Amino acid sequence: MSSRAAQRLYSTAVKLARTPLYESHVRLGGKMVPYAGFDMPVLYKDQSHIDSHNWVRSKVGLFDVSHMLQHNVSGKDSVEFLQKITPIDLNSLPIGSFSLSVLLNEQGGVIDDCIITKHGDYEYYIVTNAGCRDKDVEFIKKEAANFGDVSHSTFESTLLAIQGPKAAELLQKFTNEDLSKIYFGQAKYLKLSPFGDSPIHLARSGYTGEDGFELSIPSSSEVETKASILFFDSLIEENPDLVKPIGLAARDSLRLEAGMCLYGHELAEDITPVQASLSWLIPKSRRTPETATFNGASTILSQLKDKTLLKTRRIGLASKGPAPRDHNKIFNVDGEEIGYVTSGSPSPTLGGNVAQAYINKKAKIGELVKLEVRNKLRDATITKLPFVASNLYKP
């Protein structure tokens, strides 16, 4: 049996979901693997992981992220509701803008990270992670039940990330909208060929550290799905020297170099945003007893006020040799265990390996440590995050 036939058989046996762009991935030679309940491309034919990674850093990569869950939240109590389950300050977020935030449990732990976009005073669009679909929906609906006028719904569409330094140059060919006037952190509905008058949601954002966009393209009907496939295919076919589809492997190494968290690795329900070095997600306007109405506020505010409550911090590691992986132990030069790796990978941009880890907060940048990789202790150096400076389009 061919490997592709085996992949199809496996997908059918475990009933993996497919994104609207699935057939395009197969046609383009995508190596399909199970991921968060979906059949997703990890690599494409004639591309190595390093090739894919470097392509995004220099040109444009297309990422199918349709497996992510999209939400609409509205109603007069929507602000109070969202500020209960996240630490965001929606009153200071301009309409047409978005922010990273986190869903918090009652102890202040992170249920999931999310992007919240404000389209009106009582109109919000949210994207959460694929692997947390069921628990996120259960959590949101349970919390929403405590508020009067809150409407929450989820929907599926083609969610396409266009990432790389030439992303705007590429996408500008498909719209009359002046993309130079849309900056990182902003979002709007616009017209995009070949979708006619159908509004497409565009956000200038991404998960690679490069400039780019995320497009939410309606795909609830066969006609809409065909249009999204046509758009995806035409981006590649009409711009072969500029654009390539990119899979999950490069997506992970790109976000790792950019110092971005991945749920289930750097983030978990027993880790607060303060412990995760994400204190900036709690704006000063929400750090008073009157405004800190979010879940786990007492724990989070205590950690912000008294740093001695924190024993570890999220930080970077650089090493040579075999790449560190999740849960590898970290020791200081005296042999004392001081932390553990949460994510690790070879770094195509820098050479060697990079990793994120939780390390004793007394450890300093530049300090040498030992990583337990493949049952051997190997040299590593504590470094700042991000490993690669972001290339975001800002005013």
Protein backbone atom coordinates (compact mmCIF):
# COMPACT_ATOMS: atom_id res chain seq x y z
CA MET A 1 0.00 0.00 0.00
CA SER A 2 1.31 3.46 -0.87
CA SER A 3 1.99 5.94 1.92
CA ARG A 4 -0.72 8.25 0.58
CA ALA A 5 -3.24 5.42 0.51
CA ALA A 6 -2.25 4.55 4.06
CA GLN A 7 -2.78 8.16 5.11
CA ARG A 8 -6.26 8.19 3.58
CA LEU A 9 -7.12 4.88 5.23
CA TYR A 10 -5.95 6.14 8.62
CA SER A 11 -7.89 9.39 8.22
CA THR A 12 -11.07 7.47 7.45
CA ALA A 13 -10.56 4.98 10.30
CA VAL A 14 -10.21 7.66 12.99
CA LYS A 15 -12.77 9.98 11.33
CA LEU A 16 -10.50 12.99 11.12
CA ALA A 17 -12.16 16.24 10.10
CA ARG A 18 -11.02 17.97 6.92
CA THR A 19 -10.68 21.66 6.20
CA PRO A 20 -12.23 23.17 3.03
CA LEU A 21 -8.74 23.17 1.48
CA TYR A 22 -8.06 19.46 2.07
CA GLU A 23 -8.19 18.41 -1.59
CA SER A 24 -5.76 21.18 -2.53
CA HIS A 25 -3.30 19.93 0.08
CA VAL A 26 -3.48 16.41 -1.30
CA ARG A 27 -3.09 17.61 -4.89
CA LEU A 28 -0.06 19.71 -3.91
CA GLY A 29 1.60 16.72 -2.32
CA GLY A 30 0.93 17.53 1.30
CA LYS A 31 1.97 14.89 3.81
CA MET A 32 -1.22 14.65 5.83
CA VAL A 33 -1.09 13.87 9.55
CA PRO A 34 -3.62 13.86 12.40
CA TYR A 35 -3.60 17.14 14.30
CA ALA A 36 -6.21 18.29 16.82
CA GLY A 37 -8.79 15.99 15.25
CA PHE A 38 -8.09 17.22 11.70
CA ASP A 39 -6.20 15.82 8.73
CA MET A 40 -3.54 18.50 8.23
CA PRO A 41 -0.43 18.95 6.05
CA VAL A 42 2.85 18.81 7.96
CA LEU A 43 5.07 19.16 4.85
CA TYR A 44 4.64 19.30 1.07
CA LYS A 45 6.48 17.37 -1.64
CA ASP A 46 9.82 18.77 -2.77
CA GLN A 47 10.07 20.83 0.44
CA SER A 48 12.13 20.07 3.50
CA HIS A 49 11.27 21.56 6.87
CA ILE A 50 14.21 23.96 6.54
CA ASP A 51 13.19 24.96 3.00
CA SER A 52 9.65 25.75 4.15
CA HIS A 53 10.81 27.71 7.18
CA ASN A 54 13.32 29.83 5.26
CA TRP A 55 10.79 30.48 2.49
CA VAL A 56 8.43 32.15 4.97
CA ARG A 57 11.25 34.24 6.42
CA SER A 58 12.16 35.53 2.93
CA LYS A 59 9.00 35.38 0.77
CA VAL A 60 5.39 34.27 1.43
CA GLY A 61 3.98 31.11 2.96
CA LEU A 62 0.33 30.02 2.99
CA PHE A 63 -0.92 28.26 6.12
CA ASP A 64 -4.30 26.57 6.29
CA VAL A 65 -5.47 27.28 9.85
CA SER A 66 -9.13 26.45 9.22
CA HIS A 67 -8.96 23.92 12.05
CA MET A 68 -8.98 26.82 14.52
CA LEU A 69 -12.37 27.56 16.08
CA GLN A 70 -14.05 30.89 15.31
CA HIS A 71 -16.60 32.58 17.56
CA ASN A 72 -18.99 35.51 17.45
CA VAL A 73 -19.96 37.16 20.74
CA SER A 74 -22.46 40.00 20.95
CA GLY A 75 -25.03 41.60 23.26
CA LYS A 76 -25.14 44.44 25.79
CA ASP A 77 -23.49 42.29 28.44
CA SER A 78 -20.73 41.05 26.10
CA VAL A 79 -18.07 43.40 27.49
CA GLU A 80 -18.74 42.46 31.10
CA PHE A 81 -18.82 38.79 30.08
CA LEU A 82 -15.56 38.83 28.11
CA GLN A 83 -13.84 40.80 30.85
CA LYS A 84 -14.89 38.08 33.29
CA ILE A 85 -13.32 35.23 31.33
CA THR A 86 -10.26 37.17 30.08
CA PRO A 87 -8.08 39.99 31.50
CA ILE A 88 -8.50 42.19 28.41
CA ASP A 89 -9.62 45.83 28.61
CA LEU A 90 -12.21 46.09 25.84
CA ASN A 91 -13.03 49.73 26.58
CA SER A 92 -9.52 50.79 25.53
CA LEU A 93 -9.44 48.50 22.47
CA PRO A 94 -10.37 50.57 19.38
CA ILE A 95 -13.09 49.29 17.08
CA GLY A 96 -11.43 47.48 14.19
CA SER A 97 -8.57 46.23 16.38
CA PHE A 98 -7.66 42.95 18.01
CA SER A 99 -5.56 41.73 20.90
CA LEU A 100 -4.08 38.50 22.14
CA SER A 101 -5.66 37.35 25.39
CA VAL A 102 -6.26 34.23 27.47
CA LEU A 103 -9.31 32.39 28.77
CA LEU A 104 -8.89 32.06 32.53
CA ASN A 105 -10.20 29.48 34.98
CA GLU A 106 -11.20 30.36 38.53
CA GLN A 107 -7.63 29.85 39.75
CA GLY A 108 -6.17 32.19 37.10
CA GLY A 109 -4.81 29.34 34.99
CA VAL A 110 -4.93 29.49 31.21
CA ILE A 111 -7.71 27.44 29.63
CA ASP A 112 -6.63 28.62 26.17
CA ASP A 113 -5.07 31.59 24.44
CA CYS A 114 -7.19 33.51 21.95
CA ILE A 115 -7.41 36.51 19.66
CA ILE A 116 -10.29 38.93 20.38
CA THR A 117 -11.31 41.40 17.67
CA LYS A 118 -13.62 44.33 18.41
CA HIS A 119 -15.99 45.17 15.55
CA GLY A 120 -18.42 47.24 17.63
CA ASP A 121 -19.12 48.16 21.23
CA TYR A 122 -21.05 44.90 21.61
CA GLU A 123 -19.69 42.91 18.67
CA TYR A 124 -16.66 40.62 18.97
CA TYR A 125 -14.94 38.00 16.82
CA ILE A 126 -12.73 35.46 18.60
CA VAL A 127 -10.39 32.72 17.41
CA THR A 128 -9.34 29.89 19.75
CA ASN A 129 -7.18 26.80 19.35
CA ALA A 130 -8.23 23.66 17.54
CA GLY A 131 -7.06 21.28 20.23
CA CYS A 132 -9.20 23.03 22.88
CA ARG A 133 -12.45 23.16 20.88
CA ASP A 134 -14.71 21.13 23.15
CA LYS A 135 -13.52 22.47 26.49
CA ASP A 136 -13.48 26.08 25.23
CA VAL A 137 -17.08 25.90 24.04
CA GLU A 138 -18.20 24.23 27.26
CA PHE A 139 -16.39 26.85 29.34
CA ILE A 140 -17.70 29.84 27.36
CA LYS A 141 -21.30 28.64 27.36
CA LYS A 142 -21.19 27.89 31.08
CA GLU A 143 -19.83 31.36 31.87
CA ALA A 144 -22.20 33.09 29.44
CA ALA A 145 -25.17 31.56 31.25
CA ASN A 146 -24.43 33.91 34.16
CA PHE A 147 -25.06 36.98 32.01
CA GLY A 148 -28.32 38.28 30.59
CA ASP A 149 -27.75 39.71 27.12
CA VAL A 150 -24.90 37.65 25.66
CA SER A 151 -25.08 35.77 22.37
CA HIS A 152 -22.34 33.27 21.59
CA SER A 153 -21.97 31.14 18.47
CA THR A 154 -19.19 29.29 16.67
CA PHE A 155 -18.72 28.82 12.95
CA GLU A 156 -16.46 27.10 10.44
CA SER A 157 -14.84 28.77 7.45
CA THR A 158 -11.64 28.77 5.45
CA LEU A 159 -9.12 30.45 7.72
CA LEU A 160 -5.99 31.25 5.75
CA ALA A 161 -2.77 32.77 7.11
CA ILE A 162 -0.56 34.56 4.57
CA GLN A 163 2.83 35.09 6.18
CA GLY A 164 6.16 36.57 5.13
CA PRO A 165 7.87 39.86 4.26
CA LYS A 166 6.18 39.99 0.85
CA ALA A 167 2.68 39.09 2.08
CA ALA A 168 1.26 42.57 1.44
CA GLU A 169 2.79 42.70 -2.05
CA LEU A 170 1.03 39.42 -2.85
CA LEU A 171 -2.38 40.14 -1.34
CA GLN A 172 -2.57 43.65 -2.80
CA LYS A 173 -3.03 42.02 -6.22
CA PHE A 174 -6.40 40.69 -5.09
CA THR A 175 -8.01 43.79 -3.59
CA ASN A 176 -8.55 47.49 -4.26
CA GLU A 177 -8.20 48.17 -0.52
CA ASP A 178 -4.96 50.00 0.31
CA LEU A 179 -3.28 47.45 2.58
CA SER A 180 -0.53 49.92 3.50
CA LYS A 181 -3.11 51.68 5.68
CA ILE A 182 -3.89 48.55 7.69
CA TYR A 183 -1.36 47.91 10.46
CA PHE A 184 -0.55 45.01 12.72
CA GLY A 185 -3.32 44.68 15.28
CA GLN A 186 -6.05 45.98 12.96
CA ALA A 187 -8.88 44.11 11.26
CA LYS A 188 -11.70 44.88 8.85
CA TYR A 189 -14.08 43.42 6.28
CA LEU A 190 -13.10 44.04 2.66
CA LYS A 191 -13.73 42.86 -0.89
CA LEU A 192 -11.26 40.37 -2.26
CA SER A 193 -11.27 38.70 -5.65
CA PRO A 194 -12.54 36.14 -6.52
CA PHE A 195 -15.26 36.58 -3.88
CA GLY A 196 -17.21 39.41 -5.52
CA ASP A 197 -19.23 41.44 -3.05
CA SER A 198 -18.94 38.90 -0.23
CA PRO A 199 -17.10 40.58 2.67
CA ILE A 200 -13.92 38.81 3.78
CA HIS A 201 -12.60 39.29 7.29
CA LEU A 202 -8.95 40.38 7.24
CA ALA A 203 -6.64 40.82 10.21
CA ARG A 204 -3.04 41.94 9.91
CA SER A 205 -1.56 39.32 12.16
CA GLY A 206 0.08 35.93 12.24
CA TYR A 207 1.96 33.35 14.24
CA THR A 208 5.41 33.51 12.68
CA GLY A 209 6.85 36.87 13.73
CA GLU A 210 6.70 38.01 10.11
CA ASP A 211 4.30 40.49 8.53
CA GLY A 212 1.13 38.89 7.27
CA PHE A 213 -2.62 38.50 7.26
CA GLU A 214 -5.29 36.07 8.39
CA LEU A 215 -8.37 35.79 6.23
CA SER A 216 -11.67 34.28 7.33
CA ILE A 217 -13.40 33.23 4.10
CA PRO A 218 -17.03 32.00 4.19
CA SER A 219 -17.20 28.31 3.24
CA SER A 220 -20.62 27.17 4.43
CA SER A 221 -21.86 26.32 0.93
CA GLU A 222 -20.37 24.39 -1.97
CA VAL A 223 -20.10 27.58 -4.02
CA GLU A 224 -18.24 29.39 -1.21
CA THR A 225 -15.93 26.44 -0.65
CA LYS A 226 -15.04 26.27 -4.35
CA ALA A 227 -14.27 29.99 -4.30
CA SER A 228 -11.92 29.58 -1.32
CA ILE A 229 -10.15 26.69 -3.07
CA LEU A 230 -9.85 28.75 -6.27
CA PHE A 231 -8.33 31.62 -4.30
CA PHE A 232 -5.84 29.38 -2.48
CA ASP A 233 -4.80 27.64 -5.69
CA SER A 234 -4.52 30.86 -7.69
CA LEU A 235 -2.26 32.45 -5.05
CA ILE A 236 0.20 29.62 -5.66
CA GLU A 237 -0.24 29.05 -9.39
CA GLU A 238 -0.01 32.72 -10.37
CA ASN A 239 2.97 33.47 -8.11
CA PRO A 240 5.19 30.35 -8.11
CA ASP A 241 8.38 32.30 -7.38
CA LEU A 242 6.80 34.11 -4.45
CA VAL A 243 4.34 31.76 -2.75
CA LYS A 244 4.36 28.22 -1.39
CA PRO A 245 1.96 26.30 0.86
CA ILE A 246 3.56 25.63 4.23
CA GLY A 247 2.75 22.89 6.73
CA LEU A 248 2.67 22.41 10.47
CA ALA A 249 6.37 21.62 10.87
CA ALA A 250 7.57 25.06 9.79
CA ARG A 251 4.67 26.75 11.55
CA ASP A 252 5.97 25.40 14.85
CA SER A 253 9.63 26.30 14.32
CA LEU A 254 8.68 29.79 13.10
CA ARG A 255 6.55 30.53 16.16
CA LEU A 256 9.24 29.07 18.41
CA GLU A 257 11.91 31.39 16.99
CA ALA A 258 9.45 34.28 17.43
CA GLY A 259 9.06 33.42 21.12
CA MET A 260 5.34 32.69 20.83
CA CYS A 261 3.51 30.31 23.15
CA LEU A 262 1.77 27.10 22.15
CA TYR A 263 -1.09 25.84 24.27
CA GLY A 264 -0.30 22.51 25.91
CA HIS A 265 3.38 23.41 25.96
CA GLU A 266 4.08 26.90 27.35
CA LEU A 267 0.47 27.41 28.46
CA ALA A 268 -1.74 25.18 30.60
CA GLU A 269 -4.53 25.35 33.16
CA ASP A 270 -2.09 25.28 36.06
CA ILE A 271 0.00 28.16 34.67
CA THR A 272 -1.10 31.79 35.06
CA PRO A 273 -0.24 34.45 32.46
CA VAL A 274 2.19 35.98 34.96
CA GLN A 275 4.06 32.69 35.32
CA ALA A 276 4.14 32.45 31.52
CA SER A 277 5.86 35.87 31.24
CA LEU A 278 2.68 37.29 29.72
CA SER A 279 1.98 39.94 32.34
CA TRP A 280 1.47 42.46 29.53
CA LEU A 281 -1.84 40.75 28.81
CA ILE A 282 -3.16 42.27 32.04
CA PRO A 283 -3.25 46.04 31.36
CA LYS A 284 -2.80 48.47 34.25
CA SER A 285 -6.44 49.51 33.86
CA ARG A 286 -7.45 46.03 35.08
CA ARG A 287 -5.13 45.73 38.03
CA THR A 288 -7.19 47.50 40.67
CA PRO A 289 -9.64 45.81 43.07
CA GLU A 290 -12.52 47.54 41.24
CA THR A 291 -11.49 46.60 37.70
CA ALA A 292 -9.95 43.15 38.26
CA THR A 293 -13.21 41.28 37.70
CA PHE A 294 -11.66 38.44 35.71
CA ASN A 295 -11.36 34.85 36.89
CA GLY A 296 -8.45 34.19 39.21
CA ALA A 297 -7.84 37.92 39.72
CA SER A 298 -6.71 37.57 43.35
CA THR A 299 -4.04 35.03 42.39
CA ILE A 300 -2.85 36.99 39.36
CA LEU A 301 -2.75 40.35 41.14
CA SER A 302 -0.83 38.77 44.03
CA GLN A 303 1.77 37.43 41.60
CA LEU A 304 2.07 40.80 39.90
CA LYS A 305 2.59 42.52 43.26
CA ASP A 306 4.83 39.97 44.97
CA LYS A 307 7.41 38.46 42.62
CA THR A 308 8.63 36.09 45.35
CA LEU A 309 5.48 34.03 44.74
CA LEU A 310 6.91 32.97 41.39
CA LYS A 311 9.56 30.28 41.42
CA THR A 312 10.12 29.99 37.66
CA ARG A 313 9.85 32.09 34.50
CA ARG A 314 9.47 31.32 30.81
CA ILE A 315 12.74 31.94 29.00
CA GLY A 316 14.78 30.80 26.00
CA LEU A 317 17.59 28.29 25.55
CA ALA A 318 20.14 27.90 22.77
CA SER A 319 22.09 24.69 22.22
CA LYS A 320 23.94 22.50 19.74
CA GLY A 321 23.61 18.81 18.98
CA PRO A 322 20.31 16.92 19.27
CA ALA A 323 17.36 19.29 19.66
CA PRO A 324 15.75 19.50 23.11
CA ARG A 325 12.15 18.37 23.37
CA ASP A 326 9.20 18.76 25.72
CA HIS A 327 9.88 17.82 29.34
CA ASN A 328 13.67 17.54 28.98
CA LYS A 329 15.12 18.42 32.38
CA ILE A 330 17.40 21.42 32.92
CA PHE A 331 20.26 21.48 35.45
CA ASN A 332 22.63 24.21 36.58
CA VAL A 333 26.40 23.71 36.48
CA ASP A 334 26.28 22.33 40.05
CA GLY A 335 23.94 19.55 38.96
CA GLU A 336 20.78 20.95 40.59
CA GLU A 337 17.56 20.56 38.60
CA ILE A 338 16.24 24.06 37.85
CA GLY A 339 13.58 23.65 35.15
CA TYR A 340 12.19 21.86 32.13
CA VAL A 341 11.81 22.39 28.40
CA THR A 342 8.35 23.15 27.01
CA SER A 343 9.19 23.33 23.27
CA GLY A 344 12.36 22.76 21.29
CA SER A 345 13.46 22.60 17.67
CA PRO A 346 16.39 23.11 15.33
CA SER A 347 16.49 26.77 14.28
CA PRO A 348 16.77 27.13 10.49
CA THR A 349 17.28 30.90 10.84
CA LEU A 350 20.01 30.87 13.48
CA GLY A 351 21.53 27.42 13.23
CA GLY A 352 21.76 25.13 16.24
CA ASN A 353 18.69 24.64 18.42
CA VAL A 354 16.27 26.91 20.24
CA ALA A 355 13.86 26.04 23.02
CA GLN A 356 11.44 27.64 25.41
CA ALA A 357 11.51 26.52 29.01
CA TYR A 358 10.41 27.20 32.56
CA ILE A 359 13.56 27.84 34.61
CA ASN A 360 14.24 28.94 38.18
CA LYS A 361 13.78 32.71 38.07
CA LYS A 362 17.18 33.26 39.72
CA ALA A 363 18.91 31.93 36.61
CA LYS A 364 20.31 34.73 34.44
CA ILE A 365 20.51 35.49 30.73
CA GLY A 366 23.82 34.17 29.38
CA GLU A 367 24.15 31.54 32.09
CA LEU A 368 25.34 28.09 31.03
CA VAL A 369 23.12 25.13 31.92
CA LYS A 370 22.85 21.43 31.13
CA LEU A 371 20.01 19.83 29.19
CA GLU A 372 19.15 16.17 29.60
CA VAL A 373 18.62 15.12 25.97
CA ARG A 374 18.61 11.45 24.95
CA ASN A 375 19.86 10.45 28.40
CA LYS A 376 22.93 12.68 28.19
CA LEU A 377 23.66 16.10 29.69
CA ARG A 378 24.39 18.64 26.96
CA ASP A 379 25.47 22.28 27.09
CA ALA A 380 22.95 25.09 26.62
CA THR A 381 22.79 28.82 27.24
CA ILE A 382 19.89 30.81 28.71
CA THR A 383 18.82 33.47 26.19
CA LYS A 384 16.24 36.20 25.75
CA LEU A 385 12.99 35.77 23.86
CA PRO A 386 12.30 36.15 21.01
CA PHE A 387 15.21 34.42 19.32
CA VAL A 388 14.43 36.17 16.02
CA ALA A 389 13.21 39.77 16.03
CA SER A 390 9.66 40.28 14.78
CA ASN A 391 9.05 41.89 11.42
CA LEU A 392 5.55 43.24 12.08
CA TYR A 393 4.03 46.07 10.02
CA LYS A 394 3.47 48.95 12.43
CA PRO A 395 3.06 52.73 12.06
